[in-house]
Full PDB file with SEQRES, HELIX, SHEET, SSBOND, CRYST1, ORIGX, SCALE, CONECT and MASTER records, all heavy atoms in Angstrom:
SEQRES   1 A   39  ALA LEU ASP ALA SER ALA MET ALA GLY LEU THR ILE THR          
SEQRES   2 A   39  PHE TYR TRP THR GLY SER ALA ALA GLY ARG LEU ILE TYR          
SEQRES   3 A   39  PRO VAL LEU PHE ALA LYS TYR ASP THR LYS LYS TYR LEU          
HELIX    1 AA1 SER A    5  LEU A   29  1                                  25    
HELIX    2 AA2 THR A   35  TYR A   38  1                                   4    
CRYST1    1.000    1.000    1.000  90.00  90.00  90.00 P 1           1          
ORIGX1      1.000000  0.000000  0.000000        0.00000                         
ORIGX2      0.000000  1.000000  0.000000        0.00000                         
ORIGX3      0.000000  0.000000  1.000000        0.00000                         
SCALE1      1.000000  0.000000  0.000000        0.00000                         
SCALE2      0.000000  1.000000  0.000000        0.00000                         
SCALE3      0.000000  0.000000  1.000000        0.00000                         
ATOM      1  N   ALA A   1      29.870 -26.129 -34.599  1.00  0.00           N  
ATOM      2  CA  ALA A   1      30.074 -26.772 -35.936  1.00  0.00           C  
ATOM      3  C   ALA A   1      31.575 -26.847 -36.319  1.00  0.00           C  
ATOM      4  O   ALA A   1      31.975 -27.726 -36.965  1.00  0.00           O  
ATOM      5  CB  ALA A   1      29.405 -25.931 -37.000  1.00  0.00           C  
ATOM      6  N   LEU A   2      32.355 -25.894 -35.781  1.00  0.00           N  
ATOM      7  CA  LEU A   2      33.825 -25.759 -36.073  1.00  0.00           C  
ATOM      8  C   LEU A   2      34.649 -26.132 -34.931  1.00  0.00           C  
ATOM      9  O   LEU A   2      35.911 -26.002 -35.006  1.00  0.00           O  
ATOM     10  CB  LEU A   2      34.123 -24.466 -36.739  1.00  0.00           C  
ATOM     11  CG  LEU A   2      33.445 -24.041 -38.026  1.00  0.00           C  
ATOM     12  CD1 LEU A   2      33.941 -22.599 -38.481  1.00  0.00           C  
ATOM     13  CD2 LEU A   2      33.568 -25.174 -39.131  1.00  0.00           C  
ATOM     14  N   ASP A   3      34.023 -26.448 -33.774  1.00  0.00           N  
ATOM     15  CA  ASP A   3      34.738 -26.735 -32.498  1.00  0.00           C  
ATOM     16  C   ASP A   3      35.772 -25.705 -32.158  1.00  0.00           C  
ATOM     17  O   ASP A   3      36.962 -25.928 -31.966  1.00  0.00           O  
ATOM     18  CB  ASP A   3      35.390 -28.062 -32.610  1.00  0.00           C  
ATOM     19  CG  ASP A   3      35.910 -28.655 -31.289  1.00  0.00           C  
ATOM     20  OD1 ASP A   3      35.295 -28.215 -30.287  1.00  0.00           O  
ATOM     21  OD2 ASP A   3      36.851 -29.485 -31.327  1.00  0.00           O  
ATOM     22  N   ALA A   4      35.346 -24.385 -32.098  1.00  0.00           N  
ATOM     23  CA  ALA A   4      36.266 -23.334 -31.829  1.00  0.00           C  
ATOM     24  C   ALA A   4      35.663 -22.356 -30.708  1.00  0.00           C  
ATOM     25  O   ALA A   4      35.450 -21.161 -30.939  1.00  0.00           O  
ATOM     26  CB  ALA A   4      36.528 -22.444 -33.059  1.00  0.00           C  
ATOM     27  N   SER A   5      35.559 -22.949 -29.589  1.00  0.00           N  
ATOM     28  CA  SER A   5      34.962 -22.222 -28.468  1.00  0.00           C  
ATOM     29  C   SER A   5      35.724 -20.947 -28.089  1.00  0.00           C  
ATOM     30  O   SER A   5      35.139 -19.956 -27.816  1.00  0.00           O  
ATOM     31  CB  SER A   5      34.838 -23.161 -27.202  1.00  0.00           C  
ATOM     32  OG  SER A   5      34.108 -24.236 -27.463  1.00  0.00           O  
ATOM     33  N   ALA A   6      37.007 -21.095 -28.176  1.00  0.00           N  
ATOM     34  CA  ALA A   6      37.901 -19.824 -27.785  1.00  0.00           C  
ATOM     35  C   ALA A   6      37.688 -18.688 -28.602  1.00  0.00           C  
ATOM     36  O   ALA A   6      37.893 -17.501 -28.122  1.00  0.00           O  
ATOM     37  CB  ALA A   6      39.337 -20.362 -27.637  1.00  0.00           C  
ATOM     38  N   MET A   7      37.298 -18.972 -29.834  1.00  0.00           N  
ATOM     39  CA  MET A   7      37.257 -17.833 -30.856  1.00  0.00           C  
ATOM     40  C   MET A   7      35.826 -17.452 -31.138  1.00  0.00           C  
ATOM     41  O   MET A   7      35.651 -16.527 -31.929  1.00  0.00           O  
ATOM     42  CB  MET A   7      37.916 -18.280 -32.122  1.00  0.00           C  
ATOM     43  CG  MET A   7      39.457 -18.613 -32.027  1.00  0.00           C  
ATOM     44  SD  MET A   7      40.151 -19.184 -33.526  1.00  0.00           S  
ATOM     45  CE  MET A   7      40.149 -17.661 -34.500  1.00  0.00           C  
ATOM     46  N   ALA A   8      34.964 -18.086 -30.527  1.00  0.00           N  
ATOM     47  CA  ALA A   8      33.437 -17.982 -30.964  1.00  0.00           C  
ATOM     48  C   ALA A   8      33.042 -16.513 -30.663  1.00  0.00           C  
ATOM     49  O   ALA A   8      32.206 -15.974 -31.571  1.00  0.00           O  
ATOM     50  CB  ALA A   8      32.673 -18.890 -30.220  1.00  0.00           C  
ATOM     51  N   GLY A   9      33.431 -15.948 -29.570  1.00  0.00           N  
ATOM     52  CA  GLY A   9      33.003 -14.636 -29.199  1.00  0.00           C  
ATOM     53  C   GLY A   9      33.465 -13.527 -30.138  1.00  0.00           C  
ATOM     54  O   GLY A   9      32.858 -12.471 -30.347  1.00  0.00           O  
ATOM     55  N   LEU A  10      34.461 -13.813 -30.879  1.00  0.00           N  
ATOM     56  CA  LEU A  10      35.096 -12.805 -31.812  1.00  0.00           C  
ATOM     57  C   LEU A  10      34.214 -12.720 -33.113  1.00  0.00           C  
ATOM     58  O   LEU A  10      34.177 -11.613 -33.704  1.00  0.00           O  
ATOM     59  CB  LEU A  10      36.497 -13.215 -32.288  1.00  0.00           C  
ATOM     60  CG  LEU A  10      37.631 -13.276 -31.242  1.00  0.00           C  
ATOM     61  CD1 LEU A  10      38.886 -13.796 -31.873  1.00  0.00           C  
ATOM     62  CD2 LEU A  10      37.864 -11.755 -30.769  1.00  0.00           C  
ATOM     63  N   THR A  11      33.361 -13.646 -33.244  1.00  0.00           N  
ATOM     64  CA  THR A  11      32.601 -13.589 -34.661  1.00  0.00           C  
ATOM     65  C   THR A  11      31.621 -12.392 -34.611  1.00  0.00           C  
ATOM     66  O   THR A  11      31.727 -11.748 -35.672  1.00  0.00           O  
ATOM     67  CB  THR A  11      31.697 -15.006 -34.665  1.00  0.00           C  
ATOM     68  OG1 THR A  11      32.480 -16.009 -34.408  1.00  0.00           O  
ATOM     69  CG2 THR A  11      31.094 -15.072 -36.133  1.00  0.00           C  
ATOM     70  N   ILE A  12      31.008 -12.151 -33.488  1.00  0.00           N  
ATOM     71  CA  ILE A  12      30.016 -11.068 -33.638  1.00  0.00           C  
ATOM     72  C   ILE A  12      30.692  -9.715 -33.635  1.00  0.00           C  
ATOM     73  O   ILE A  12      30.328  -8.805 -34.331  1.00  0.00           O  
ATOM     74  CB  ILE A  12      29.040 -11.123 -32.375  1.00  0.00           C  
ATOM     75  CG1 ILE A  12      28.328 -12.407 -32.379  1.00  0.00           C  
ATOM     76  CG2 ILE A  12      28.042 -10.050 -32.462  1.00  0.00           C  
ATOM     77  CD1 ILE A  12      27.712 -12.903 -33.725  1.00  0.00           C  
ATOM     78  N   THR A  13      31.775  -9.638 -32.936  1.00  0.00           N  
ATOM     79  CA  THR A  13      32.623  -8.346 -32.984  1.00  0.00           C  
ATOM     80  C   THR A  13      33.130  -8.087 -34.386  1.00  0.00           C  
ATOM     81  O   THR A  13      32.941  -6.872 -34.788  1.00  0.00           O  
ATOM     82  CB  THR A  13      33.774  -8.552 -31.998  1.00  0.00           C  
ATOM     83  OG1 THR A  13      33.332  -8.751 -30.631  1.00  0.00           O  
ATOM     84  CG2 THR A  13      34.622  -7.222 -32.072  1.00  0.00           C  
ATOM     85  N   PHE A  14      33.562  -9.040 -35.051  1.00  0.00           N  
ATOM     86  CA  PHE A  14      34.024  -8.806 -36.417  1.00  0.00           C  
ATOM     87  C   PHE A  14      32.875  -8.557 -37.383  1.00  0.00           C  
ATOM     88  O   PHE A  14      32.974  -7.719 -38.296  1.00  0.00           O  
ATOM     89  CB  PHE A  14      34.879 -10.060 -36.891  1.00  0.00           C  
ATOM     90  CG  PHE A  14      36.310  -9.957 -36.569  1.00  0.00           C  
ATOM     91  CD1 PHE A  14      36.735 -10.385 -35.341  1.00  0.00           C  
ATOM     92  CD2 PHE A  14      37.272  -9.551 -37.464  1.00  0.00           C  
ATOM     93  CE1 PHE A  14      38.119 -10.348 -34.985  1.00  0.00           C  
ATOM     94  CE2 PHE A  14      38.586  -9.436 -37.205  1.00  0.00           C  
ATOM     95  CZ  PHE A  14      39.044  -9.883 -35.906  1.00  0.00           C  
ATOM     96  N   TYR A  15      31.760  -9.145 -37.209  1.00  0.00           N  
ATOM     97  CA  TYR A  15      30.514  -8.909 -37.982  1.00  0.00           C  
ATOM     98  C   TYR A  15      30.052  -7.469 -37.804  1.00  0.00           C  
ATOM     99  O   TYR A  15      29.798  -6.776 -38.787  1.00  0.00           O  
ATOM    100  CB  TYR A  15      29.463  -9.946 -37.524  1.00  0.00           C  
ATOM    101  CG  TYR A  15      28.096  -9.538 -38.275  1.00  0.00           C  
ATOM    102  CD1 TYR A  15      27.951  -9.805 -39.659  1.00  0.00           C  
ATOM    103  CD2 TYR A  15      27.092  -9.067 -37.573  1.00  0.00           C  
ATOM    104  CE1 TYR A  15      26.689  -9.554 -40.302  1.00  0.00           C  
ATOM    105  CE2 TYR A  15      25.869  -8.792 -38.200  1.00  0.00           C  
ATOM    106  CZ  TYR A  15      25.690  -8.949 -39.568  1.00  0.00           C  
ATOM    107  OH  TYR A  15      24.411  -8.658 -40.179  1.00  0.00           O  
ATOM    108  N   TRP A  16      29.930  -7.028 -36.543  1.00  0.00           N  
ATOM    109  CA  TRP A  16      29.569  -5.645 -36.308  1.00  0.00           C  
ATOM    110  C   TRP A  16      30.524  -4.677 -36.684  1.00  0.00           C  
ATOM    111  O   TRP A  16      30.157  -3.515 -37.249  1.00  0.00           O  
ATOM    112  CB  TRP A  16      29.230  -5.489 -34.865  1.00  0.00           C  
ATOM    113  CG  TRP A  16      27.938  -6.037 -34.381  1.00  0.00           C  
ATOM    114  CD1 TRP A  16      26.946  -6.584 -35.099  1.00  0.00           C  
ATOM    115  CD2 TRP A  16      27.551  -6.364 -32.983  1.00  0.00           C  
ATOM    116  NE1 TRP A  16      25.911  -7.095 -34.373  1.00  0.00           N  
ATOM    117  CE2 TRP A  16      26.299  -6.972 -33.058  1.00  0.00           C  
ATOM    118  CE3 TRP A  16      28.208  -6.160 -31.816  1.00  0.00           C  
ATOM    119  CZ2 TRP A  16      25.633  -7.385 -31.836  1.00  0.00           C  
ATOM    120  CZ3 TRP A  16      27.550  -6.449 -30.604  1.00  0.00           C  
ATOM    121  CH2 TRP A  16      26.222  -7.180 -30.659  1.00  0.00           C  
ATOM    122  N   THR A  17      31.876  -4.922 -36.578  1.00  0.00           N  
ATOM    123  CA  THR A  17      32.904  -4.113 -37.075  1.00  0.00           C  
ATOM    124  C   THR A  17      32.781  -3.907 -38.563  1.00  0.00           C  
ATOM    125  O   THR A  17      32.914  -2.808 -39.129  1.00  0.00           O  
ATOM    126  CB  THR A  17      34.288  -4.556 -36.694  1.00  0.00           C  
ATOM    127  OG1 THR A  17      34.307  -4.730 -35.212  1.00  0.00           O  
ATOM    128  CG2 THR A  17      35.339  -3.575 -37.102  1.00  0.00           C  
ATOM    129  N   GLY A  18      32.561  -5.030 -39.278  1.00  0.00           N  
ATOM    130  CA  GLY A  18      32.475  -4.982 -40.734  1.00  0.00           C  
ATOM    131  C   GLY A  18      31.204  -4.158 -41.147  1.00  0.00           C  
ATOM    132  O   GLY A  18      31.271  -3.370 -42.125  1.00  0.00           O  
ATOM    133  N   SER A  19      30.100  -4.378 -40.474  1.00  0.00           N  
ATOM    134  CA  SER A  19      28.847  -3.598 -40.719  1.00  0.00           C  
ATOM    135  C   SER A  19      29.106  -2.074 -40.659  1.00  0.00           C  
ATOM    136  O   SER A  19      28.682  -1.352 -41.481  1.00  0.00           O  
ATOM    137  CB  SER A  19      27.809  -4.096 -39.820  1.00  0.00           C  
ATOM    138  OG  SER A  19      26.574  -3.445 -40.066  1.00  0.00           O  
ATOM    139  N   ALA A  20      29.682  -1.737 -39.520  1.00  0.00           N  
ATOM    140  CA  ALA A  20      30.038  -0.246 -39.315  1.00  0.00           C  
ATOM    141  C   ALA A  20      30.865   0.303 -40.259  1.00  0.00           C  
ATOM    142  O   ALA A  20      30.674   1.363 -40.779  1.00  0.00           O  
ATOM    143  CB  ALA A  20      30.521  -0.006 -37.826  1.00  0.00           C  
ATOM    144  N   ALA A  21      31.975  -0.498 -40.657  1.00  0.00           N  
ATOM    145  CA  ALA A  21      32.939  -0.036 -41.542  1.00  0.00           C  
ATOM    146  C   ALA A  21      32.271   0.107 -43.011  1.00  0.00           C  
ATOM    147  O   ALA A  21      32.523   1.054 -43.721  1.00  0.00           O  
ATOM    148  CB  ALA A  21      34.120  -1.073 -41.696  1.00  0.00           C  
ATOM    149  N   GLY A  22      31.478  -0.828 -43.279  1.00  0.00           N  
ATOM    150  CA  GLY A  22      30.756  -0.839 -44.700  1.00  0.00           C  
ATOM    151  C   GLY A  22      29.951   0.412 -44.761  1.00  0.00           C  
ATOM    152  O   GLY A  22      29.901   1.096 -45.912  1.00  0.00           O  
ATOM    153  N   ARG A  23      29.228   0.840 -43.721  1.00  0.00           N  
ATOM    154  CA  ARG A  23      28.286   2.079 -43.716  1.00  0.00           C  
ATOM    155  C   ARG A  23      29.207   3.285 -43.896  1.00  0.00           C  
ATOM    156  O   ARG A  23      28.755   4.289 -44.551  1.00  0.00           O  
ATOM    157  CB  ARG A  23      27.491   1.990 -42.472  1.00  0.00           C  
ATOM    158  CG  ARG A  23      26.454   0.835 -42.461  1.00  0.00           C  
ATOM    159  CD  ARG A  23      25.779   0.713 -41.119  1.00  0.00           C  
ATOM    160  NE  ARG A  23      24.700  -0.331 -41.204  1.00  0.00           N  
ATOM    161  CZ  ARG A  23      23.981  -0.661 -40.182  1.00  0.00           C  
ATOM    162  NH1 ARG A  23      24.110   0.009 -39.032  1.00  0.00           N  
ATOM    163  NH2 ARG A  23      23.078  -1.586 -40.361  1.00  0.00           N  
ATOM    164  N   LEU A  24      30.297   3.354 -43.165  1.00  0.00           N  
ATOM    165  CA  LEU A  24      31.217   4.541 -43.245  1.00  0.00           C  
ATOM    166  C   LEU A  24      31.893   4.684 -44.514  1.00  0.00           C  
ATOM    167  O   LEU A  24      32.212   5.809 -44.959  1.00  0.00           O  
ATOM    168  CB  LEU A  24      32.108   4.556 -42.049  1.00  0.00           C  
ATOM    169  CG  LEU A  24      31.495   4.642 -40.634  1.00  0.00           C  
ATOM    170  CD1 LEU A  24      32.474   4.435 -39.577  1.00  0.00           C  
ATOM    171  CD2 LEU A  24      30.707   6.026 -40.530  1.00  0.00           C  
ATOM    172  N   ILE A  25      32.203   3.485 -45.164  1.00  0.00           N  
ATOM    173  CA  ILE A  25      32.943   3.512 -46.425  1.00  0.00           C  
ATOM    174  C   ILE A  25      32.044   3.884 -47.648  1.00  0.00           C  
ATOM    175  O   ILE A  25      32.440   4.547 -48.579  1.00  0.00           O  
ATOM    176  CB  ILE A  25      33.583   2.112 -46.715  1.00  0.00           C  
ATOM    177  CG1 ILE A  25      34.755   1.874 -45.800  1.00  0.00           C  
ATOM    178  CG2 ILE A  25      34.009   2.078 -48.202  1.00  0.00           C  
ATOM    179  CD1 ILE A  25      35.242   0.431 -45.823  1.00  0.00           C  
ATOM    180  N   TYR A  26      30.741   3.620 -47.456  1.00  0.00           N  
ATOM    181  CA  TYR A  26      29.794   3.799 -48.579  1.00  0.00           C  
ATOM    182  C   TYR A  26      29.790   5.195 -49.197  1.00  0.00           C  
ATOM    183  O   TYR A  26      29.942   5.402 -50.351  1.00  0.00           O  
ATOM    184  CB  TYR A  26      28.389   3.394 -48.157  1.00  0.00           C  
ATOM    185  CG  TYR A  26      27.333   3.794 -49.126  1.00  0.00           C  
ATOM    186  CD1 TYR A  26      26.949   2.907 -50.084  1.00  0.00           C  
ATOM    187  CD2 TYR A  26      26.582   5.042 -49.102  1.00  0.00           C  
ATOM    188  CE1 TYR A  26      26.039   3.225 -51.069  1.00  0.00           C  
ATOM    189  CE2 TYR A  26      25.602   5.338 -50.073  1.00  0.00           C  
ATOM    190  CZ  TYR A  26      25.325   4.489 -51.057  1.00  0.00           C  
ATOM    191  OH  TYR A  26      24.423   4.803 -51.995  1.00  0.00           O  
ATOM    192  N   PRO A  27      29.751   6.313 -48.299  1.00  0.00           N  
ATOM    193  CA  PRO A  27      29.661   7.619 -48.883  1.00  0.00           C  
ATOM    194  C   PRO A  27      30.941   8.020 -49.680  1.00  0.00           C  
ATOM    195  O   PRO A  27      30.799   8.771 -50.666  1.00  0.00           O  
ATOM    196  CB  PRO A  27      29.588   8.602 -47.654  1.00  0.00           C  
ATOM    197  CG  PRO A  27      29.029   7.670 -46.562  1.00  0.00           C  
ATOM    198  CD  PRO A  27      29.602   6.316 -46.924  1.00  0.00           C  
ATOM    199  N   VAL A  28      32.040   7.385 -49.396  1.00  0.00           N  
ATOM    200  CA  VAL A  28      33.258   7.668 -50.014  1.00  0.00           C  
ATOM    201  C   VAL A  28      33.417   6.931 -51.395  1.00  0.00           C  
ATOM    202  O   VAL A  28      33.888   7.559 -52.359  1.00  0.00           O  
ATOM    203  CB  VAL A  28      34.518   7.446 -49.080  1.00  0.00           C  
ATOM    204  CG1 VAL A  28      35.741   7.576 -49.703  1.00  0.00           C  
ATOM    205  CG2 VAL A  28      34.421   8.097 -47.805  1.00  0.00           C  
ATOM    206  N   LEU A  29      33.101   5.661 -51.421  1.00  0.00           N  
ATOM    207  CA  LEU A  29      33.302   4.904 -52.536  1.00  0.00           C  
ATOM    208  C   LEU A  29      32.134   4.503 -53.479  1.00  0.00           C  
ATOM    209  O   LEU A  29      32.303   4.329 -54.717  1.00  0.00           O  
ATOM    210  CB  LEU A  29      34.052   3.605 -52.121  1.00  0.00           C  
ATOM    211  CG  LEU A  29      35.464   3.684 -51.430  1.00  0.00           C  
ATOM    212  CD1 LEU A  29      35.892   2.407 -51.047  1.00  0.00           C  
ATOM    213  CD2 LEU A  29      36.400   4.442 -52.325  1.00  0.00           C  
ATOM    214  N   PHE A  30      30.955   4.350 -52.808  1.00  0.00           N  
ATOM    215  CA  PHE A  30      29.776   3.774 -53.554  1.00  0.00           C  
ATOM    216  C   PHE A  30      28.608   4.637 -53.736  1.00  0.00           C  
ATOM    217  O   PHE A  30      27.645   4.230 -54.341  1.00  0.00           O  
ATOM    218  CB  PHE A  30      29.391   2.566 -52.811  1.00  0.00           C  
ATOM    219  CG  PHE A  30      30.597   1.560 -52.707  1.00  0.00           C  
ATOM    220  CD1 PHE A  30      31.105   1.187 -51.470  1.00  0.00           C  
ATOM    221  CD2 PHE A  30      31.139   0.950 -53.844  1.00  0.00           C  
ATOM    222  CE1 PHE A  30      32.167   0.292 -51.337  1.00  0.00           C  
ATOM    223  CE2 PHE A  30      32.226   0.068 -53.695  1.00  0.00           C  
ATOM    224  CZ  PHE A  30      32.709  -0.220 -52.507  1.00  0.00           C  
ATOM    225  N   ALA A  31      28.535   5.868 -53.186  1.00  0.00           N  
ATOM    226  CA  ALA A  31      27.312   6.662 -53.228  1.00  0.00           C  
ATOM    227  C   ALA A  31      27.034   7.039 -54.631  1.00  0.00           C  
ATOM    228  O   ALA A  31      25.836   7.380 -54.940  1.00  0.00           O  
ATOM    229  CB  ALA A  31      27.664   8.010 -52.350  1.00  0.00           C  
ATOM    230  N   LYS A  32      28.031   7.099 -55.679  1.00  0.00           N  
ATOM    231  CA  LYS A  32      27.798   7.504 -56.986  1.00  0.00           C  
ATOM    232  C   LYS A  32      26.963   6.485 -57.740  1.00  0.00           C  
ATOM    233  O   LYS A  32      26.522   6.744 -58.857  1.00  0.00           O  
ATOM    234  CB  LYS A  32      29.035   7.736 -57.691  1.00  0.00           C  
ATOM    235  CG  LYS A  32      29.976   6.538 -57.698  1.00  0.00           C  
ATOM    236  CD  LYS A  32      31.402   6.927 -58.244  1.00  0.00           C  
ATOM    237  CE  LYS A  32      32.376   5.801 -58.190  1.00  0.00           C  
ATOM    238  NZ  LYS A  32      33.672   6.092 -58.605  1.00  0.00           N  
ATOM    239  N   TYR A  33      26.827   5.299 -57.218  1.00  0.00           N  
ATOM    240  CA  TYR A  33      26.092   4.184 -57.900  1.00  0.00           C  
ATOM    241  C   TYR A  33      24.646   4.255 -57.684  1.00  0.00           C  
ATOM    242  O   TYR A  33      24.183   4.686 -56.631  1.00  0.00           O  
ATOM    243  CB  TYR A  33      26.664   2.835 -57.725  1.00  0.00           C  
ATOM    244  CG  TYR A  33      28.128   2.666 -58.040  1.00  0.00           C  
ATOM    245  CD1 TYR A  33      29.096   2.602 -57.015  1.00  0.00           C  
ATOM    246  CD2 TYR A  33      28.520   2.648 -59.409  1.00  0.00           C  
ATOM    247  CE1 TYR A  33      30.467   2.497 -57.354  1.00  0.00           C  
ATOM    248  CE2 TYR A  33      29.906   2.489 -59.695  1.00  0.00           C  
ATOM    249  CZ  TYR A  33      30.864   2.477 -58.724  1.00  0.00           C  
ATOM    250  OH  TYR A  33      32.156   2.378 -59.020  1.00  0.00           O  
ATOM    251  N   ASP A  34      23.875   3.675 -58.579  1.00  0.00           N  
ATOM    252  CA  ASP A  34      22.364   3.488 -58.414  1.00  0.00           C  
ATOM    253  C   ASP A  34      22.116   2.653 -57.181  1.00  0.00           C  
ATOM    254  O   ASP A  34      22.564   1.618 -56.964  1.00  0.00           O  
ATOM    255  CB  ASP A  34      21.708   2.874 -59.638  1.00  0.00           C  
ATOM    256  CG  ASP A  34      20.284   2.759 -59.457  1.00  0.00           C  
ATOM    257  OD1 ASP A  34      19.442   3.669 -59.748  1.00  0.00           O  
ATOM    258  OD2 ASP A  34      19.760   1.598 -59.170  1.00  0.00           O  
ATOM    259  N   THR A  35      21.303   3.213 -56.281  1.00  0.00           N  
ATOM    260  CA  THR A  35      21.090   2.500 -54.967  1.00  0.00           C  
ATOM    261  C   THR A  35      20.510   1.110 -55.153  1.00  0.00           C  
ATOM    262  O   THR A  35      21.081   0.100 -54.498  1.00  0.00           O  
ATOM    263  CB  THR A  35      20.114   3.404 -54.072  1.00  0.00           C  
ATOM    264  OG1 THR A  35      20.585   4.636 -53.965  1.00  0.00           O  
ATOM    265  CG2 THR A  35      19.885   2.755 -52.721  1.00  0.00           C  
ATOM    266  N   LYS A  36      19.461   0.952 -55.956  1.00  0.00           N  
ATOM    267  CA  LYS A  36      18.864  -0.399 -56.015  1.00  0.00           C  
ATOM    268  C   LYS A  36      19.769  -1.330 -56.624  1.00  0.00           C  
ATOM    269  O   LYS A  36      19.931  -2.491 -56.177  1.00  0.00           O  
ATOM    270  CB  LYS A  36      17.521  -0.299 -56.841  1.00  0.00           C  
ATOM    271  CG  LYS A  36      16.388   0.512 -56.202  1.00  0.00           C  
ATOM    272  CD  LYS A  36      15.094   0.378 -57.001  1.00  0.00           C  
ATOM    273  CE  LYS A  36      14.133   1.413 -56.469  1.00  0.00           C  
ATOM    274  NZ  LYS A  36      14.306   2.722 -57.001  1.00  0.00           N  
ATOM    275  N   LYS A  37      20.514  -0.860 -57.732  1.00  0.00           N  
ATOM    276  CA  LYS A  37      21.394  -1.970 -58.372  1.00  0.00           C  
ATOM    277  C   LYS A  37      22.562  -2.234 -57.525  1.00  0.00           C  
ATOM    278  O   LYS A  37      22.970  -3.350 -57.503  1.00  0.00           O  
ATOM    279  CB  LYS A  37      21.949  -1.204 -59.636  1.00  0.00           C  
ATOM    280  CG  LYS A  37      20.880  -1.036 -60.816  1.00  0.00           C  
ATOM    281  CD  LYS A  37      21.429  -0.429 -62.067  1.00  0.00           C  
ATOM    282  CE  LYS A  37      20.433  -0.294 -63.143  1.00  0.00           C  
ATOM    283  NZ  LYS A  37      20.936   0.393 -64.271  1.00  0.00           N  
ATOM    284  N   TYR A  38      23.048  -1.229 -56.754  1.00  0.00           N  
ATOM    285  CA  TYR A  38      24.071  -1.485 -55.836  1.00  0.00           C  
ATOM    286  C   TYR A  38      23.706  -2.531 -54.740  1.00  0.00           C  
ATOM    287  O   TYR A  38      24.446  -3.444 -54.489  1.00  0.00           O  
ATOM    288  CB  TYR A  38      24.556  -0.059 -55.095  1.00  0.00           C  
ATOM    289  CG  TYR A  38      25.667  -0.306 -54.087  1.00  0.00           C  
ATOM    290  CD1 TYR A  38      27.008  -0.617 -54.418  1.00  0.00           C  
ATOM    291  CD2 TYR A  38      25.342  -0.211 -52.769  1.00  0.00           C  
ATOM    292  CE1 TYR A  38      27.936  -0.837 -53.467  1.00  0.00           C  
ATOM    293  CE2 TYR A  38      26.351  -0.433 -51.666  1.00  0.00           C  
ATOM    294  CZ  TYR A  38      27.618  -0.716 -52.174  1.00  0.00           C  
ATOM    295  OH  TYR A  38      28.553  -0.892 -51.197  1.00  0.00           O  
ATOM    296  N   LEU A  39      22.566  -2.345 -54.180  1.00  0.00           N  
ATOM    297  CA  LEU A  39      22.028  -3.243 -53.150  1.00  0.00           C  
ATOM    298  C   LEU A  39      21.756  -4.662 -53.734  1.00  0.00           C  
ATOM    299  O   LEU A  39      22.162  -5.744 -53.070  1.00  0.00           O  
ATOM    300  CB  LEU A  39      20.746  -2.747 -52.575  1.00  0.00           C  
ATOM    301  CG  LEU A  39      20.867  -1.654 -51.405  1.00  0.00           C  
ATOM    302  CD1 LEU A  39      19.543  -1.163 -51.000  1.00  0.00           C  
ATOM    303  CD2 LEU A  39      21.554  -2.314 -50.268  1.00  0.00           C  
TER     304      LEU A  39                                                      
MASTER        0    0    0    2    0    0    0    6  303    1    0    3          
END                                                                             
């Protein structure tokens, strides 16, 4: 769709990195909020 073959493989790496980072950040910054409302 974006004609970016050279960068395509980076997408999943950045997605998984973001996912792991979000999980590790949650206890520090967001655990105090109501779980359902936060989600």
